[in-house]
Amino acid sequence: MALNWKIFTRRPYIQSLSLEEQIRLFQIANEKSIRLRESKFQDFANSNSTSQGAAGDGDTAVVGFTNTRSLAFDGINDQVAYNNSIGNGFSAITVSAWAKFESIDNTYESILSKDGSSQRTWGLARWRSGLGGGVYFMINNGSTTYFSDPSPATDFVPVAGEWNHFIGLYNGAEVKLYVNGNTTPVSNTGATGTINTTTSQVKVGNSDYSEILHGGVDEVGIWNRALTDSEIEQVYNGGAASDLTSLSPLHWWRFEEGSGTTAIDLGSGAVNGTITSATYTTDVPT
């Protein structure tokens, strides 16, 4: 059963969008609703496989998850920015993103962060090449910044132009970075405390330090808990973007809209972002 347009558009935050953005969000939400219903039907069908097989009729196929777009960032002024109230005060966090870098040069580049020079919170970014050029995850508890790497020399250094999947995780005791589903992550023990609460914005492709990305980002997820190793493997999905619905992300920005300046949040937090200058592309991780 599809969603009702009139009921859908009564929501205050939907009414604040343009008609084009309302239609695009309705289409995405409607597809998600149909997929969930068909998934439940598939579970029912599987549990009654004998009777279904005897009947010999009915199509139980689930609508397939597709990933057809990502966002490209030019390294000059592109970003996606979100409300500065989100991403605060977590006792645990997991952030996930597919990313690629056009070059590994001597500049810092942020994939996803809530980080500023005087208000550090958390961030997933790449060191400048003078410090090795590797990717790291960090959190700040209000007094101390903890990095996933014991030293930058231990970090994963991406190959320019190649997509990789990164998960940054803090579980209250360790800060970890998982690369491409690897269940033996770079890990820094000794971290402790609740993540700092700040007014820094959550940004994709930039940070309040102006660590502007030249490359691409796709399928960004945030959870206010530490995912398990099996869940991390599920997110990585053998090297292809996956449907995160069953993992109940707090925020999930797919960048599938294709046009406009609104990045729609399919997570339970429902916080849309504002795209500045970044462009949609069909270059996606596969």
Protein backbone atom coordinates (compact mmCIF):
# COMPACT_ATOMS: atom_id res chain seq x y z
CA MET A 1 0.00 0.00 0.00
CA ALA A 2 1.44 3.36 -1.07
CA LEU A 3 1.69 6.42 1.15
CA ASN A 4 -1.06 9.04 1.01
CA TRP A 5 0.15 12.30 -0.53
CA LYS A 6 -2.29 14.53 1.39
CA ILE A 7 -1.37 13.02 4.75
CA PHE A 8 2.35 13.04 3.91
CA THR A 9 2.40 16.76 3.06
CA ARG A 10 0.64 17.81 6.28
CA ARG A 11 3.88 17.37 8.21
CA PRO A 12 5.35 20.80 9.12
CA TYR A 13 8.91 20.07 7.93
CA ILE A 14 7.53 18.76 4.60
CA GLN A 15 5.45 21.92 4.13
CA SER A 16 8.61 24.01 4.53
CA LEU A 17 10.11 22.45 1.36
CA SER A 18 9.51 23.48 -2.23
CA LEU A 19 6.98 21.48 -4.25
CA GLU A 20 9.81 19.85 -6.23
CA GLU A 21 11.53 18.76 -3.00
CA GLN A 22 8.21 17.53 -1.53
CA ILE A 23 7.59 15.35 -4.58
CA ARG A 24 11.13 13.95 -4.55
CA LEU A 25 10.97 13.16 -0.82
CA PHE A 26 7.52 11.57 -1.23
CA GLN A 27 8.82 9.31 -4.00
CA ILE A 28 11.79 8.16 -1.89
CA ALA A 29 9.67 7.63 1.25
CA ASN A 30 7.03 5.80 -0.78
CA GLU A 31 9.65 3.47 -2.28
CA LYS A 32 11.04 2.77 1.21
CA SER A 33 7.53 2.04 2.55
CA ILE A 34 6.76 -0.37 -0.29
CA ARG A 35 10.12 -2.10 0.13
CA LEU A 36 9.51 -2.64 3.85
CA ARG A 37 6.03 -4.07 3.22
CA GLU A 38 7.30 -6.41 0.50
CA SER A 39 10.18 -7.49 2.74
CA LYS A 40 7.71 -8.43 5.47
CA PHE A 41 5.64 -10.32 2.92
CA GLN A 42 8.76 -12.16 1.77
CA ASP A 43 9.50 -13.20 5.38
CA PHE A 44 5.95 -14.53 5.66
CA ALA A 45 6.28 -16.35 2.33
CA ASN A 46 9.55 -17.96 3.36
CA SER A 47 8.01 -19.19 6.61
CA ASN A 48 5.25 -20.84 4.59
CA SER A 49 7.37 -22.08 1.71
CA THR A 50 5.71 -25.48 1.51
CA SER A 51 2.20 -24.17 1.08
CA GLN A 52 3.41 -21.39 -1.23
CA GLY A 53 5.22 -23.94 -3.40
CA ALA A 54 2.14 -26.13 -3.59
CA ALA A 55 -0.01 -23.21 -4.59
CA GLY A 56 2.42 -22.32 -7.37
CA ASP A 57 1.22 -18.76 -7.81
CA GLY A 58 2.10 -15.31 -6.61
CA ASP A 59 5.27 -13.24 -7.08
CA THR A 60 7.21 -12.91 -3.81
CA ALA A 61 10.26 -11.03 -5.16
CA VAL A 62 11.48 -8.10 -3.06
CA VAL A 63 12.04 -4.79 -4.81
CA GLY A 64 15.83 -4.58 -5.23
CA PHE A 65 17.94 -1.92 -3.55
CA THR A 66 19.69 0.29 -6.10
CA ASN A 67 22.39 2.92 -5.78
CA THR A 68 22.62 5.12 -8.86
CA ARG A 69 24.07 8.45 -7.67
CA SER A 70 26.67 9.99 -5.40
CA LEU A 71 27.87 13.53 -4.71
CA ALA A 72 31.05 14.99 -6.22
CA PHE A 73 33.02 17.70 -4.37
CA ASP A 74 35.43 20.03 -6.18
CA GLY A 75 37.83 20.79 -3.31
CA ILE A 76 37.01 24.51 -3.45
CA ASN A 77 33.70 25.32 -1.77
CA ASP A 78 31.44 22.25 -1.94
CA GLN A 79 29.71 20.74 1.10
CA VAL A 80 26.49 19.38 2.58
CA ALA A 81 25.60 21.02 5.91
CA TYR A 82 23.13 19.89 8.57
CA ASN A 83 21.49 21.34 11.67
CA ASN A 84 24.13 21.99 14.35
CA SER A 85 22.01 20.32 17.06
CA ILE A 86 22.57 16.81 15.69
CA GLY A 87 25.47 14.50 16.50
CA ASN A 88 25.89 15.77 20.06
CA GLY A 89 26.36 14.11 23.43
CA PHE A 90 26.58 10.47 22.35
CA SER A 91 28.09 7.88 24.68
CA ALA A 92 28.74 5.76 21.58
CA ILE A 93 28.68 6.49 17.85
CA THR A 94 29.14 4.83 14.47
CA VAL A 95 29.55 6.80 11.25
CA SER A 96 29.67 5.19 7.82
CA ALA A 97 30.45 6.53 4.35
CA TRP A 98 31.75 5.55 0.96
CA ALA A 99 34.39 8.02 -0.19
CA LYS A 100 37.07 8.59 -2.79
CA PHE A 101 39.82 11.19 -3.09
CA GLU A 102 40.93 12.63 -6.43
CA SER A 103 44.49 13.02 -5.12
CA ILE A 104 46.45 12.33 -1.93
CA ASP A 105 47.99 15.76 -1.56
CA ASN A 106 49.23 17.88 1.32
CA THR A 107 45.80 19.10 2.41
CA TYR A 108 43.44 17.78 5.06
CA GLU A 109 40.15 16.48 3.60
CA SER A 110 37.01 15.75 5.60
CA ILE A 111 34.56 13.04 4.62
CA LEU A 112 32.05 13.56 7.44
CA SER A 113 32.51 15.62 10.57
CA LYS A 114 31.15 17.71 13.39
CA ASP A 115 34.42 19.46 14.10
CA GLY A 116 35.64 23.02 14.59
CA SER A 117 38.85 24.68 15.75
CA SER A 118 37.42 25.56 19.17
CA GLN A 119 34.59 23.00 19.34
CA ARG A 120 35.81 19.49 18.54
CA THR A 121 33.19 16.72 18.54
CA TRP A 122 33.94 13.90 16.05
CA GLY A 123 35.22 13.50 12.52
CA LEU A 124 36.13 11.11 9.71
CA ALA A 125 38.86 12.63 7.56
CA ARG A 126 42.19 12.23 5.75
CA TRP A 127 45.53 13.49 7.04
CA ARG A 128 47.58 15.67 4.69
CA SER A 129 50.26 13.77 2.79
CA GLY A 130 52.99 15.28 4.98
CA LEU A 131 51.51 13.20 7.81
CA GLY A 132 51.08 10.09 5.68
CA GLY A 133 47.81 10.93 3.89
CA GLY A 134 45.84 8.21 5.68
CA VAL A 135 42.22 8.23 6.85
CA TYR A 136 41.34 8.50 10.55
CA PHE A 137 38.35 8.80 12.89
CA MET A 138 38.40 10.92 16.03
CA ILE A 139 36.14 11.89 18.94
CA ASN A 140 36.45 14.54 21.63
CA ASN A 141 34.97 14.19 25.14
CA GLY A 142 35.16 17.88 25.98
CA SER A 143 38.73 17.80 27.26
CA THR A 144 40.65 15.23 25.20
CA THR A 145 40.70 14.29 21.52
CA TYR A 146 41.14 10.58 20.79
CA PHE A 147 42.16 9.33 17.35
CA SER A 148 41.63 5.87 15.89
CA ASP A 149 45.32 5.71 15.05
CA PRO A 150 48.13 5.33 17.60
CA SER A 151 50.11 7.32 15.00
CA PRO A 152 49.22 8.60 11.50
CA ALA A 153 51.78 6.19 10.03
CA THR A 154 49.47 3.26 10.84
CA ASP A 155 46.50 4.63 8.87
CA PHE A 156 45.04 3.27 5.64
CA VAL A 157 46.22 5.42 2.71
CA PRO A 158 43.67 5.33 -0.11
CA VAL A 159 44.55 5.16 -3.80
CA ALA A 160 43.52 8.32 -5.62
CA GLY A 161 40.30 7.91 -7.60
CA GLU A 162 39.21 4.66 -5.93
CA TRP A 163 36.08 4.21 -3.81
CA ASN A 164 36.57 2.85 -0.29
CA HIS A 165 34.19 2.25 2.56
CA PHE A 166 34.96 3.74 5.99
CA ILE A 167 33.33 3.21 9.36
CA GLY A 168 34.39 5.25 12.38
CA LEU A 169 33.24 3.86 15.72
CA TYR A 170 33.44 4.82 19.40
CA ASN A 171 32.08 2.38 21.99
CA GLY A 172 32.93 4.25 25.20
CA ALA A 173 36.38 2.66 25.50
CA GLU A 174 37.92 2.50 22.01
CA VAL A 175 38.02 4.65 18.90
CA LYS A 176 38.13 2.46 15.78
CA LEU A 177 38.37 2.81 12.03
CA TYR A 178 37.12 0.00 9.79
CA VAL A 179 38.13 0.06 6.12
CA ASN A 180 36.26 -1.99 3.51
CA GLY A 181 34.57 -4.23 6.05
CA ASN A 182 37.80 -5.32 7.73
CA THR A 183 36.90 -6.72 11.18
CA THR A 184 40.42 -6.09 12.53
CA PRO A 185 40.26 -2.29 12.55
CA VAL A 186 42.85 0.29 13.50
CA SER A 187 42.00 0.87 17.16
CA ASN A 188 43.04 3.20 19.94
CA THR A 189 42.14 2.09 23.46
CA GLY A 190 41.91 4.34 26.48
CA ALA A 191 39.21 6.65 25.17
CA THR A 192 36.48 7.44 27.66
CA GLY A 193 33.52 9.72 28.36
CA THR A 194 30.56 11.16 26.49
CA ILE A 195 31.23 12.86 23.17
CA ASN A 196 31.41 16.63 23.41
CA THR A 197 28.31 18.77 22.77
CA THR A 198 29.05 21.70 20.45
CA THR A 199 27.40 24.07 17.99
CA SER A 200 29.59 22.91 15.09
CA GLN A 201 27.56 21.80 12.09
CA VAL A 202 27.60 18.24 10.82
CA LYS A 203 29.10 18.48 7.34
CA VAL A 204 29.82 16.11 4.48
CA GLY A 205 32.81 17.01 2.29
CA ASN A 206 33.97 19.78 4.61
CA SER A 207 34.39 20.73 8.27
CA ASP A 208 34.40 23.89 10.35
CA TYR A 209 38.19 23.70 9.87
CA SER A 210 37.56 24.16 6.10
CA GLU A 211 38.98 20.72 5.31
CA ILE A 212 37.34 20.65 1.88
CA LEU A 213 37.17 17.35 0.02
CA HIS A 214 38.12 16.93 -3.63
CA GLY A 215 36.45 13.66 -4.46
CA GLY A 216 33.16 11.84 -3.89
CA VAL A 217 30.93 10.70 -1.03
CA ASP A 218 27.99 8.30 -1.04
CA GLU A 219 25.59 6.55 1.37
CA VAL A 220 26.34 8.32 4.67
CA GLY A 221 24.97 6.78 7.87
CA ILE A 222 25.12 7.74 11.57
CA TRP A 223 24.10 5.64 14.59
CA ASN A 224 24.10 6.65 18.26
CA ARG A 225 25.46 3.21 19.15
CA ALA A 226 28.41 1.01 18.27
CA LEU A 227 27.61 -1.40 15.44
CA THR A 228 28.73 -5.01 15.84
CA ASP A 229 31.29 -6.64 13.55
CA SER A 230 28.54 -8.55 11.74
CA GLU A 231 26.56 -5.34 11.23
CA ILE A 232 29.67 -3.64 9.85
CA GLU A 233 30.11 -6.48 7.36
CA GLN A 234 26.44 -6.05 6.42
CA VAL A 235 26.95 -2.32 5.76
CA TYR A 236 30.04 -3.00 3.61
CA ASN A 237 28.10 -5.68 1.71
CA GLY A 238 31.10 -7.17 -0.03
CA GLY A 239 32.02 -3.87 -1.66
CA ALA A 240 28.67 -2.48 -2.81
CA ALA A 241 26.35 0.02 -1.13
CA SER A 242 23.64 -1.70 0.90
CA ASP A 243 20.16 -1.06 2.24
CA LEU A 244 20.60 0.14 5.85
CA THR A 245 16.91 -0.01 6.78
CA SER A 246 17.20 -3.10 8.99
CA LEU A 247 20.01 -1.47 11.01
CA SER A 248 17.80 1.50 11.97
CA PRO A 249 20.25 4.36 11.35
CA LEU A 250 19.64 7.64 13.16
CA HIS A 251 20.63 9.46 9.97
CA TRP A 252 20.99 8.07 6.46
CA TRP A 253 21.74 10.37 3.53
CA ARG A 254 21.78 8.46 0.25
CA PHE A 255 22.30 11.37 -2.20
CA GLU A 256 19.92 9.70 -4.64
CA GLU A 257 17.83 12.83 -5.30
CA GLY A 258 19.61 13.72 -8.54
CA SER A 259 18.77 17.43 -8.46
CA GLY A 260 18.03 20.29 -6.09
CA THR A 261 19.85 21.41 -2.93
CA THR A 262 18.23 19.14 -0.33
CA ALA A 263 19.90 15.94 0.88
CA ILE A 264 17.05 13.85 2.28
CA ASP A 265 17.49 11.93 5.53
CA LEU A 266 15.94 8.44 5.45
CA GLY A 267 16.99 7.74 9.05
CA SER A 268 14.79 8.06 12.12
CA GLY A 269 16.26 11.49 12.87
CA ALA A 270 14.80 12.91 9.62
CA VAL A 271 17.23 15.86 9.37
CA ASN A 272 17.67 16.98 5.78
CA GLY A 273 20.87 18.71 4.65
CA THR A 274 21.61 21.68 2.42
CA ILE A 275 23.86 20.99 -0.57
CA THR A 276 26.19 23.80 -1.57
CA SER A 277 27.84 23.52 -5.00
CA ALA A 278 28.42 19.73 -4.83
CA THR A 279 27.07 17.96 -7.92
CA TYR A 280 25.29 14.67 -8.50
CA THR A 281 27.09 12.00 -10.50
CA THR A 282 26.40 8.44 -11.57
CA ASP A 283 29.90 7.41 -10.43
CA VAL A 284 29.07 5.10 -7.48
CA PRO A 285 30.87 2.39 -5.50
CA THR A 286 30.33 -1.09 -6.93
